Amino acid sequence: MKKLVKILVIALLFAASNVFSQTPQKEKEETSKPKVVKEVETANKAVKQASQATKETVQTTKETVTDLKETVGLIFPKKNKAKKTKEVVSIQISQIEYGDENLDALYKAISKTKGVKDPSKTFNNNQAEITATFKKTANDLWQSVPEKIRKAFKIKSVSESSIVVVLKE
């Protein structure tokens, strides 16, 4: 009976060693590695295809946006918004006395006009000249002067950058 117990113990030990040994698990890992590698390769291939498709989509979208800009440009052309440079505008007043109240009122009104820079007044031989830097035309500057002040003068000539007026009698 002792022999039988020894044989059973040895058989149990052998069985237990097989059950708890690492060898079968290692074999499973080695046989499953190719499947994992195949799955990773398949996933990498899918990622590369998706990446390429995304690049193509982005390129197509860029081309579409460019075409759309051109089409919108044809339908709604841009207005030429060339910046107007500030020009010196001149208002010349003939046949006027130095210190005339109408001349002073005109100079004050022009000086207070929005957009007028560096106004100046000169006088020589009964002729006065008011000059200023202004973005718009001389006529625009003249129209910005209050009407009650303008009524005292009669326009002789108008150009882009100058106006010649005389004092009404």
N, C-alpha and C. Protein backbone atom coordinates (compact mmCIF):
# COMPACT_ATOMS: atom_id res chain seq x y z
N MET A 1 0.81 -1.14 0.00
CA MET A 1 0.00 0.00 0.00
C MET A 1 0.87 1.24 0.00
N LYS A 2 2.00 1.13 0.64
CA LYS A 2 2.90 2.25 0.63
C LYS A 2 3.35 2.54 -0.78
N LYS A 3 3.51 1.52 -1.55
CA LYS A 3 3.92 1.73 -2.93
C LYS A 3 2.82 2.43 -3.71
N LEU A 4 1.64 2.04 -3.45
CA LEU A 4 0.50 2.64 -4.14
C LEU A 4 0.37 4.12 -3.78
N VAL A 5 0.58 4.45 -2.52
CA VAL A 5 0.51 5.83 -2.08
C VAL A 5 1.63 6.62 -2.73
N LYS A 6 2.83 6.04 -2.80
CA LYS A 6 3.96 6.72 -3.43
C LYS A 6 3.67 6.97 -4.89
N ILE A 7 3.09 6.01 -5.55
CA ILE A 7 2.79 6.16 -6.98
C ILE A 7 1.73 7.25 -7.17
N LEU A 8 0.73 7.23 -6.29
CA LEU A 8 -0.32 8.24 -6.40
C LEU A 8 0.24 9.65 -6.13
N VAL A 9 1.12 9.75 -5.14
CA VAL A 9 1.72 11.06 -4.84
C VAL A 9 2.54 11.53 -6.03
N ILE A 10 3.31 10.63 -6.63
CA ILE A 10 4.13 10.99 -7.78
C ILE A 10 3.22 11.38 -8.96
N ALA A 11 2.15 10.65 -9.14
CA ALA A 11 1.23 10.95 -10.23
C ALA A 11 0.57 12.32 -10.01
N LEU A 12 0.20 12.57 -8.75
CA LEU A 12 -0.41 13.86 -8.44
C LEU A 12 0.59 15.00 -8.64
N LEU A 13 1.81 14.78 -8.21
CA LEU A 13 2.83 15.80 -8.40
C LEU A 13 3.07 16.06 -9.89
N PHE A 14 3.14 15.01 -10.64
CA PHE A 14 3.35 15.16 -12.08
C PHE A 14 2.18 15.91 -12.72
N ALA A 15 0.97 15.53 -12.34
CA ALA A 15 -0.22 16.19 -12.87
C ALA A 15 -0.25 17.66 -12.46
N ALA A 16 0.09 17.90 -11.21
CA ALA A 16 0.09 19.27 -10.72
C ALA A 16 1.15 20.10 -11.43
N SER A 17 2.30 19.49 -11.66
CA SER A 17 3.35 20.25 -12.35
C SER A 17 2.94 20.59 -13.77
N ASN A 18 2.22 19.71 -14.43
CA ASN A 18 1.74 20.00 -15.78
C ASN A 18 0.66 21.09 -15.78
N VAL A 19 -0.20 21.02 -14.77
CA VAL A 19 -1.27 22.01 -14.71
C VAL A 19 -0.70 23.39 -14.42
N PHE A 20 0.23 23.46 -13.49
CA PHE A 20 0.74 24.77 -13.09
C PHE A 20 2.01 25.19 -13.84
N SER A 21 2.45 24.41 -14.76
CA SER A 21 3.69 24.77 -15.47
C SER A 21 3.42 25.89 -16.47
N GLN A 22 4.46 26.65 -16.85
CA GLN A 22 4.36 27.76 -17.78
C GLN A 22 4.42 27.31 -19.22
N THR A 23 4.81 26.13 -19.46
CA THR A 23 5.03 25.67 -20.82
C THR A 23 3.77 25.75 -21.67
N PRO A 24 2.64 25.27 -21.25
CA PRO A 24 1.48 25.35 -22.12
C PRO A 24 1.09 26.81 -22.43
N GLN A 25 1.23 27.72 -21.44
CA GLN A 25 0.87 29.11 -21.67
C GLN A 25 1.83 29.75 -22.66
N LYS A 26 3.13 29.41 -22.54
CA LYS A 26 4.11 29.94 -23.48
C LYS A 26 3.80 29.48 -24.89
N GLU A 27 3.41 28.23 -24.98
CA GLU A 27 3.07 27.70 -26.30
C GLU A 27 1.88 28.45 -26.87
N LYS A 28 0.90 28.75 -26.03
CA LYS A 28 -0.26 29.49 -26.50
C LYS A 28 0.16 30.88 -26.99
N GLU A 29 1.04 31.56 -26.22
CA GLU A 29 1.50 32.88 -26.62
C GLU A 29 2.25 32.83 -27.94
N GLU A 30 3.10 31.82 -28.09
CA GLU A 30 3.87 31.71 -29.33
C GLU A 30 2.96 31.44 -30.51
N THR A 31 1.95 30.65 -30.34
CA THR A 31 1.04 30.38 -31.45
C THR A 31 0.12 31.57 -31.70
N SER A 32 -0.15 32.38 -30.65
CA SER A 32 -1.04 33.52 -30.85
C SER A 32 -0.28 34.76 -31.34
N LYS A 33 1.03 34.80 -31.21
CA LYS A 33 1.79 35.96 -31.67
C LYS A 33 1.56 36.25 -33.14
N PRO A 34 1.60 35.30 -33.99
CA PRO A 34 1.36 35.63 -35.39
C PRO A 34 -0.02 36.25 -35.61
N LYS A 35 -1.03 35.85 -34.86
CA LYS A 35 -2.35 36.45 -35.00
C LYS A 35 -2.31 37.92 -34.58
N VAL A 36 -1.62 38.22 -33.47
CA VAL A 36 -1.52 39.59 -32.98
C VAL A 36 -0.75 40.43 -33.99
N VAL A 37 0.34 39.88 -34.49
CA VAL A 37 1.14 40.60 -35.49
C VAL A 37 0.29 40.88 -36.72
N LYS A 38 -0.48 39.89 -37.15
CA LYS A 38 -1.35 40.09 -38.31
C LYS A 38 -2.38 41.17 -38.04
N GLU A 39 -2.95 41.16 -36.83
CA GLU A 39 -3.95 42.18 -36.49
C GLU A 39 -3.33 43.57 -36.44
N VAL A 40 -2.12 43.67 -35.90
CA VAL A 40 -1.43 44.96 -35.84
C VAL A 40 -1.12 45.45 -37.26
N GLU A 41 -0.65 44.55 -38.10
CA GLU A 41 -0.35 44.93 -39.49
C GLU A 41 -1.62 45.37 -40.21
N THR A 42 -2.71 44.68 -39.97
CA THR A 42 -3.99 45.05 -40.58
C THR A 42 -4.43 46.43 -40.07
N ALA A 43 -4.26 46.66 -38.77
CA ALA A 43 -4.62 47.96 -38.20
C ALA A 43 -3.74 49.07 -38.77
N ASN A 44 -2.43 48.81 -38.90
CA ASN A 44 -1.52 49.80 -39.49
C ASN A 44 -1.91 50.13 -40.92
N LYS A 45 -2.27 49.11 -41.66
CA LYS A 45 -2.69 49.30 -43.05
C LYS A 45 -3.95 50.16 -43.11
N ALA A 46 -4.89 49.88 -42.22
CA ALA A 46 -6.13 50.65 -42.18
C ALA A 46 -5.86 52.10 -41.81
N VAL A 47 -4.94 52.32 -40.87
CA VAL A 47 -4.58 53.69 -40.47
C VAL A 47 -3.94 54.43 -41.63
N LYS A 48 -3.05 53.76 -42.36
CA LYS A 48 -2.39 54.39 -43.52
C LYS A 48 -3.42 54.76 -44.58
N GLN A 49 -4.38 53.87 -44.83
CA GLN A 49 -5.42 54.15 -45.82
C GLN A 49 -6.29 55.32 -45.37
N ALA A 50 -6.63 55.34 -44.09
CA ALA A 50 -7.44 56.44 -43.58
C ALA A 50 -6.68 57.75 -43.66
N SER A 51 -5.38 57.70 -43.37
CA SER A 51 -4.55 58.90 -43.44
C SER A 51 -4.49 59.43 -44.87
N GLN A 52 -4.29 58.53 -45.81
CA GLN A 52 -4.24 58.92 -47.22
C GLN A 52 -5.58 59.50 -47.67
N ALA A 53 -6.66 58.86 -47.26
CA ALA A 53 -7.99 59.36 -47.62
C ALA A 53 -8.22 60.74 -47.03
N THR A 54 -7.76 60.97 -45.81
CA THR A 54 -7.90 62.27 -45.16
C THR A 54 -7.10 63.33 -45.92
N LYS A 55 -5.88 62.99 -46.31
CA LYS A 55 -5.05 63.94 -47.07
C LYS A 55 -5.73 64.31 -48.38
N GLU A 56 -6.28 63.31 -49.06
CA GLU A 56 -6.97 63.58 -50.33
C GLU A 56 -8.20 64.45 -50.10
N THR A 57 -8.92 64.20 -49.02
CA THR A 57 -10.10 64.99 -48.71
C THR A 57 -9.72 66.44 -48.42
N VAL A 58 -8.66 66.63 -47.67
CA VAL A 58 -8.19 67.99 -47.35
C VAL A 58 -7.79 68.70 -48.63
N GLN A 59 -7.06 68.03 -49.50
CA GLN A 59 -6.64 68.64 -50.76
C GLN A 59 -7.85 69.02 -51.62
N THR A 60 -8.81 68.12 -51.70
CA THR A 60 -10.02 68.40 -52.47
C THR A 60 -10.78 69.57 -51.87
N THR A 61 -10.84 69.63 -50.55
CA THR A 61 -11.52 70.73 -49.88
C THR A 61 -10.82 72.05 -50.17
N LYS A 62 -9.49 72.06 -50.14
CA LYS A 62 -8.75 73.29 -50.46
C LYS A 62 -9.05 73.75 -51.88
N GLU A 63 -9.08 72.81 -52.81
CA GLU A 63 -9.38 73.16 -54.19
C GLU A 63 -10.80 73.70 -54.32
N THR A 64 -11.72 73.10 -53.59
CA THR A 64 -13.11 73.55 -53.62
C THR A 64 -13.23 74.96 -53.07
N VAL A 65 -12.54 75.22 -51.98
CA VAL A 65 -12.58 76.57 -51.38
C VAL A 65 -11.99 77.59 -52.35
N THR A 66 -10.89 77.25 -53.00
CA THR A 66 -10.29 78.15 -53.98
C THR A 66 -11.26 78.44 -55.12
N ASP A 67 -11.89 77.38 -55.64
CA ASP A 67 -12.87 77.56 -56.71
C ASP A 67 -14.05 78.42 -56.24
N LEU A 68 -14.49 78.20 -55.01
CA LEU A 68 -15.60 78.96 -54.46
C LEU A 68 -15.24 80.44 -54.33
N LYS A 69 -14.01 80.72 -53.89
CA LYS A 69 -13.56 82.11 -53.78
C LYS A 69 -13.57 82.78 -55.15
N GLU A 70 -13.10 82.06 -56.15
CA GLU A 70 -13.08 82.62 -57.50
C GLU A 70 -14.50 82.90 -57.99
N THR A 71 -15.40 81.96 -57.72
CA THR A 71 -16.79 82.13 -58.16
C THR A 71 -17.44 83.31 -57.46
N VAL A 72 -17.25 83.40 -56.16
CA VAL A 72 -17.81 84.52 -55.40
C VAL A 72 -17.19 85.83 -55.90
N GLY A 73 -15.91 85.80 -56.22
CA GLY A 73 -15.25 86.99 -56.75
C GLY A 73 -15.84 87.44 -58.08
N LEU A 74 -16.27 86.48 -58.90
CA LEU A 74 -16.90 86.83 -60.17
C LEU A 74 -18.30 87.40 -59.94
N ILE A 75 -19.01 86.83 -58.98
CA ILE A 75 -20.38 87.28 -58.71
C ILE A 75 -20.36 88.63 -57.99
N PHE A 76 -19.49 88.76 -56.99
CA PHE A 76 -19.39 89.98 -56.20
C PHE A 76 -17.97 90.53 -56.29
N PRO A 77 -17.67 91.27 -57.36
CA PRO A 77 -16.29 91.77 -57.49
C PRO A 77 -15.98 92.77 -56.39
N LYS A 78 -14.71 92.79 -55.99
CA LYS A 78 -14.27 93.71 -54.95
C LYS A 78 -14.27 95.12 -55.51
N LYS A 79 -14.72 96.01 -54.66
CA LYS A 79 -14.67 97.42 -55.04
C LYS A 79 -13.25 97.91 -54.88
N ASN A 80 -12.86 98.79 -55.75
CA ASN A 80 -11.52 99.34 -55.66
C ASN A 80 -11.49 100.32 -54.51
N LYS A 81 -10.91 99.87 -53.43
CA LYS A 81 -10.85 100.71 -52.24
C LYS A 81 -9.46 101.30 -52.10
N ALA A 82 -9.06 102.00 -53.12
CA ALA A 82 -7.75 102.65 -53.05
C ALA A 82 -7.83 103.74 -51.99
N LYS A 83 -6.86 103.76 -51.13
CA LYS A 83 -6.86 104.75 -50.07
C LYS A 83 -6.65 106.13 -50.67
N LYS A 84 -7.52 107.02 -50.28
CA LYS A 84 -7.32 108.39 -50.71
C LYS A 84 -6.25 109.00 -49.83
N THR A 85 -5.32 109.62 -50.47
CA THR A 85 -4.26 110.26 -49.68
C THR A 85 -4.75 111.65 -49.30
N LYS A 86 -4.28 112.11 -48.21
CA LYS A 86 -4.65 113.45 -47.79
C LYS A 86 -3.96 114.45 -48.71
N GLU A 87 -4.76 115.41 -49.17
CA GLU A 87 -4.23 116.42 -50.07
C GLU A 87 -4.41 117.79 -49.46
N VAL A 88 -3.61 118.69 -49.94
CA VAL A 88 -3.75 120.08 -49.50
C VAL A 88 -4.87 120.70 -50.32
N VAL A 89 -5.85 121.22 -49.60
CA VAL A 89 -7.00 121.88 -50.23
C VAL A 89 -6.85 123.38 -49.99
N SER A 90 -7.18 124.14 -51.01
CA SER A 90 -7.00 125.58 -50.94
C SER A 90 -8.31 126.30 -51.26
N ILE A 91 -8.63 127.29 -50.44
CA ILE A 91 -9.77 128.18 -50.73
C ILE A 91 -9.20 129.59 -50.82
N GLN A 92 -9.31 130.15 -52.03
CA GLN A 92 -8.77 131.49 -52.28
C GLN A 92 -9.92 132.49 -52.30
N ILE A 93 -9.73 133.58 -51.57
CA ILE A 93 -10.77 134.60 -51.47
C ILE A 93 -10.21 135.89 -52.04
N SER A 94 -10.83 136.36 -53.12
CA SER A 94 -10.38 137.59 -53.79
C SER A 94 -11.17 138.78 -53.26
N GLN A 95 -10.59 139.97 -53.42
CA GLN A 95 -11.22 141.24 -53.09
C GLN A 95 -11.78 141.25 -51.66
N ILE A 96 -10.91 141.03 -50.71
CA ILE A 96 -11.32 141.00 -49.31
C ILE A 96 -10.31 141.78 -48.48
N GLU A 97 -10.79 142.39 -47.42
CA GLU A 97 -9.96 143.18 -46.52
C GLU A 97 -9.40 142.25 -45.44
N TYR A 98 -8.20 142.58 -44.99
CA TYR A 98 -7.61 141.83 -43.88
C TYR A 98 -8.46 142.06 -42.62
N GLY A 99 -8.76 141.01 -41.90
CA GLY A 99 -9.56 141.12 -40.68
C GLY A 99 -11.05 141.11 -40.92
N ASP A 100 -11.49 140.86 -42.15
CA ASP A 100 -12.92 140.80 -42.45
C ASP A 100 -13.57 139.69 -41.61
N GLU A 101 -14.73 140.02 -41.01
CA GLU A 101 -15.39 139.05 -40.13
C GLU A 101 -15.85 137.80 -40.87
N ASN A 102 -16.22 137.94 -42.15
CA ASN A 102 -16.63 136.77 -42.95
C ASN A 102 -15.43 135.84 -43.19
N LEU A 103 -14.27 136.43 -43.43
CA LEU A 103 -13.05 135.64 -43.62
C LEU A 103 -12.69 134.91 -42.33
N ASP A 104 -12.77 135.60 -41.21
CA ASP A 104 -12.47 134.96 -39.92
C ASP A 104 -13.45 133.83 -39.61
N ALA A 105 -14.73 134.05 -39.89
CA ALA A 105 -15.75 133.02 -39.65
C ALA A 105 -15.50 131.80 -40.55
N LEU A 106 -15.11 132.06 -41.80
CA LEU A 106 -14.81 130.96 -42.73
C LEU A 106 -13.61 130.16 -42.24
N TYR A 107 -12.57 130.84 -41.81
CA TYR A 107 -11.38 130.15 -41.31
C TYR A 107 -11.70 129.32 -40.06
N LYS A 108 -12.48 129.87 -39.14
CA LYS A 108 -12.85 129.13 -37.93
C LYS A 108 -13.68 127.89 -38.27
N ALA A 109 -14.62 128.03 -39.21
CA ALA A 109 -15.47 126.90 -39.60
C ALA A 109 -14.63 125.79 -40.25
N ILE A 110 -13.70 126.17 -41.09
CA ILE A 110 -12.83 125.18 -41.73
C ILE A 110 -11.94 124.51 -40.70
N SER A 111 -11.42 125.29 -39.77
CA SER A 111 -10.54 124.74 -38.73
C SER A 111 -11.25 123.71 -37.87
N LYS A 112 -12.55 123.90 -37.64
CA LYS A 112 -13.33 122.99 -36.80
C LYS A 112 -13.89 121.79 -37.55
N THR A 113 -13.75 121.76 -38.86
CA THR A 113 -14.30 120.68 -39.67
C THR A 113 -13.56 119.37 -39.41
N LYS A 114 -14.34 118.30 -39.26
CA LYS A 114 -13.76 116.98 -38.99
C LYS A 114 -12.90 116.55 -40.19
N GLY A 115 -11.70 116.09 -39.92
CA GLY A 115 -10.80 115.61 -40.95
C GLY A 115 -9.83 116.66 -41.46
N VAL A 116 -10.00 117.90 -41.03
CA VAL A 116 -9.09 118.97 -41.46
C VAL A 116 -7.87 118.96 -40.56
N LYS A 117 -6.71 118.97 -41.19
CA LYS A 117 -5.44 119.01 -40.46
C LYS A 117 -4.64 120.22 -40.93
N ASP A 118 -3.92 120.79 -40.02
CA ASP A 118 -2.98 121.89 -40.28
C ASP A 118 -3.58 123.04 -41.10
N PRO A 119 -4.68 123.63 -40.65
CA PRO A 119 -5.22 124.77 -41.40
C PRO A 119 -4.31 126.00 -41.25
N SER A 120 -4.25 126.77 -42.32
CA SER A 120 -3.46 128.02 -42.26
C SER A 120 -4.13 129.07 -43.13
N LYS A 121 -3.87 130.35 -42.79
CA LYS A 121 -4.47 131.46 -43.52
C LYS A 121 -3.35 132.43 -43.89
N THR A 122 -3.33 132.80 -45.15
CA THR A 122 -2.36 133.81 -45.59
C THR A 122 -3.12 134.96 -46.25
N PHE A 123 -2.48 136.14 -46.30
CA PHE A 123 -3.12 137.32 -46.87
C PHE A 123 -2.08 138.13 -47.64
N ASN A 124 -2.46 138.57 -48.87
CA ASN A 124 -1.55 139.39 -49.67
C ASN A 124 -2.37 140.16 -50.70
N ASN A 125 -2.23 141.50 -50.73
CA ASN A 125 -2.89 142.36 -51.72
C ASN A 125 -4.38 142.08 -51.87
N ASN A 126 -5.10 142.19 -50.79
CA ASN A 126 -6.55 141.97 -50.78
C ASN A 126 -6.96 140.58 -51.28
N GLN A 127 -6.07 139.66 -51.07
CA GLN A 127 -6.36 138.27 -51.42
C GLN A 127 -5.95 137.39 -50.25
N ALA A 128 -6.90 136.56 -49.81
CA ALA A 128 -6.62 135.64 -48.70
C ALA A 128 -6.66 134.21 -49.24
N GLU A 129 -5.92 133.36 -48.57
CA GLU A 129 -5.94 131.94 -48.95
C GLU A 129 -5.95 131.10 -47.67
N ILE A 130 -6.90 130.20 -47.63
CA ILE A 130 -6.98 129.25 -46.51
C ILE A 130 -6.59 127.89 -47.07
N THR A 131 -5.58 127.26 -46.48
CA THR A 131 -5.15 125.93 -46.91
C THR A 131 -5.24 124.97 -45.73
N ALA A 132 -5.49 123.70 -46.06
CA ALA A 132 -5.57 122.66 -45.03
C ALA A 132 -5.36 121.31 -45.70
N THR A 133 -4.92 120.36 -44.89
CA THR A 133 -4.82 118.99 -45.38
C THR A 133 -6.17 118.32 -45.13
N PHE A 134 -6.71 117.68 -46.18
CA PHE A 134 -8.06 117.11 -46.10
C PHE A 134 -8.13 115.89 -47.02
N LYS A 135 -8.82 114.84 -46.57
CA LYS A 135 -8.91 113.61 -47.36
C LYS A 135 -9.82 113.75 -48.57
N LYS A 136 -10.79 114.60 -48.47
CA LYS A 136 -11.78 114.73 -49.54
C LYS A 136 -11.44 115.90 -50.44
N THR A 137 -12.36 116.26 -51.32
CA THR A 137 -12.12 117.33 -52.29
C THR A 137 -12.34 118.70 -51.67
N ALA A 138 -11.93 119.71 -52.41
CA ALA A 138 -12.13 121.09 -51.96
C ALA A 138 -13.63 121.39 -51.85
N ASN A 139 -14.41 120.86 -52.79
CA ASN A 139 -15.85 121.09 -52.75
C ASN A 139 -16.47 120.44 -51.50
N ASP A 140 -15.98 119.25 -51.12
CA ASP A 140 -16.48 118.61 -49.89
C ASP A 140 -16.17 119.47 -48.67
N LEU A 141 -15.00 120.06 -48.66
CA LEU A 141 -14.64 120.95 -47.55
C LEU A 141 -15.56 122.17 -47.55
N TRP A 142 -15.80 122.74 -48.72
CA TRP A 142 -16.66 123.92 -48.82
C TRP A 142 -18.09 123.58 -48.34
N GLN A 143 -18.58 122.41 -48.70
CA GLN A 143 -19.93 122.00 -48.30
C GLN A 143 -20.04 121.74 -46.80
N SER A 144 -18.92 121.49 -46.14
CA SER A 144 -18.94 121.26 -44.70
C SER A 144 -19.01 122.58 -43.91
N VAL A 145 -18.78 123.69 -44.58
CA VAL A 145 -18.88 125.01 -43.94
C VAL A 145 -20.38 125.33 -43.81
N PRO A 146 -20.81 125.84 -42.65
CA PRO A 146 -22.23 126.18 -42.48
C PRO A 146 -22.72 127.14 -43.57
N GLU A 147 -23.96 126.94 -43.97
CA GLU A 147 -24.52 127.71 -45.08
C GLU A 147 -24.54 129.21 -44.80
N LYS A 148 -24.80 129.62 -43.57
CA LYS A 148 -24.84 131.06 -43.27
C LYS A 148 -23.48 131.72 -43.50
N ILE A 149 -22.41 130.96 -43.37
CA ILE A 149 -21.07 131.51 -43.64
C ILE A 149 -20.81 131.50 -45.14
N ARG A 150 -21.21 130.40 -45.82
CA ARG A 150 -21.00 130.32 -47.27
C ARG A 150 -21.77 131.39 -48.04
N LYS A 151 -22.92 131.82 -47.52
CA LYS A 151 -23.75 132.80 -48.23
C LYS A 151 -23.04 134.15 -48.43
N ALA A 152 -22.05 134.39 -47.63
CA ALA A 152 -21.32 135.66 -47.76
C ALA A 152 -20.36 135.66 -48.96
N PHE A 153 -20.17 134.50 -49.59
CA PHE A 153 -19.19 134.38 -50.68
C PHE A 153 -19.87 133.89 -51.96
N LYS A 154 -19.25 134.27 -53.08
CA LYS A 154 -19.72 133.84 -54.39
C LYS A 154 -18.60 133.01 -55.02
N ILE A 155 -18.92 131.78 -55.48
CA ILE A 155 -17.90 130.89 -56.06
C ILE A 155 -17.58 131.33 -57.49
N LYS A 156 -16.28 131.45 -57.78
CA LYS A 156 -15.80 131.78 -59.13
C LYS A 156 -15.34 130.53 -59.87
N SER A 157 -14.64 129.60 -59.14
CA SER A 157 -14.21 128.35 -59.79
C SER A 157 -14.00 127.27 -58.72
N VAL A 158 -14.14 126.02 -59.18
CA VAL A 158 -13.98 124.87 -58.29
C VAL A 158 -13.16 123.81 -59.02
N SER A 159 -12.19 123.21 -58.31
CA SER A 159 -11.45 122.05 -58.84
C SER A 159 -11.32 121.04 -57.71
N GLU A 160 -10.63 119.95 -57.96
CA GLU A 160 -10.45 118.90 -56.93
C GLU A 160 -9.80 119.46 -55.68
N SER A 161 -8.81 120.30 -55.87
CA SER A 161 -8.03 120.73 -54.70
C SER A 161 -8.14 122.21 -54.38
N SER A 162 -8.95 122.96 -55.15
CA SER A 162 -9.06 124.39 -54.83
C SER A 162 -10.41 124.98 -55.23
N ILE A 163 -10.74 126.05 -54.53
CA ILE A 163 -11.95 126.83 -54.82
C ILE A 163 -11.54 128.30 -54.78
N VAL A 164 -12.05 129.07 -55.74
CA VAL A 164 -11.82 130.51 -55.76
C VAL A 164 -13.17 131.17 -55.53
N VAL A 165 -13.23 132.03 -54.50
CA VAL A 165 -14.47 132.74 -54.18
C VAL A 165 -14.18 134.22 -54.03
N VAL A 166 -15.25 135.01 -54.12
CA VAL A 166 -15.16 136.45 -53.85
C VAL A 166 -16.23 136.79 -52.82
N LEU A 167 -15.98 137.85 -52.08
CA LEU A 167 -16.94 138.33 -51.11
C LEU A 167 -18.10 139.00 -51.86
N LYS A 168 -19.33 138.61 -51.52
CA LYS A 168 -20.50 139.25 -52.14
C LYS A 168 -20.59 140.67 -51.63
N GLU A 169 -21.13 141.53 -52.48
CA GLU A 169 -21.27 142.92 -52.10
C GLU A 169 -22.60 143.20 -51.50
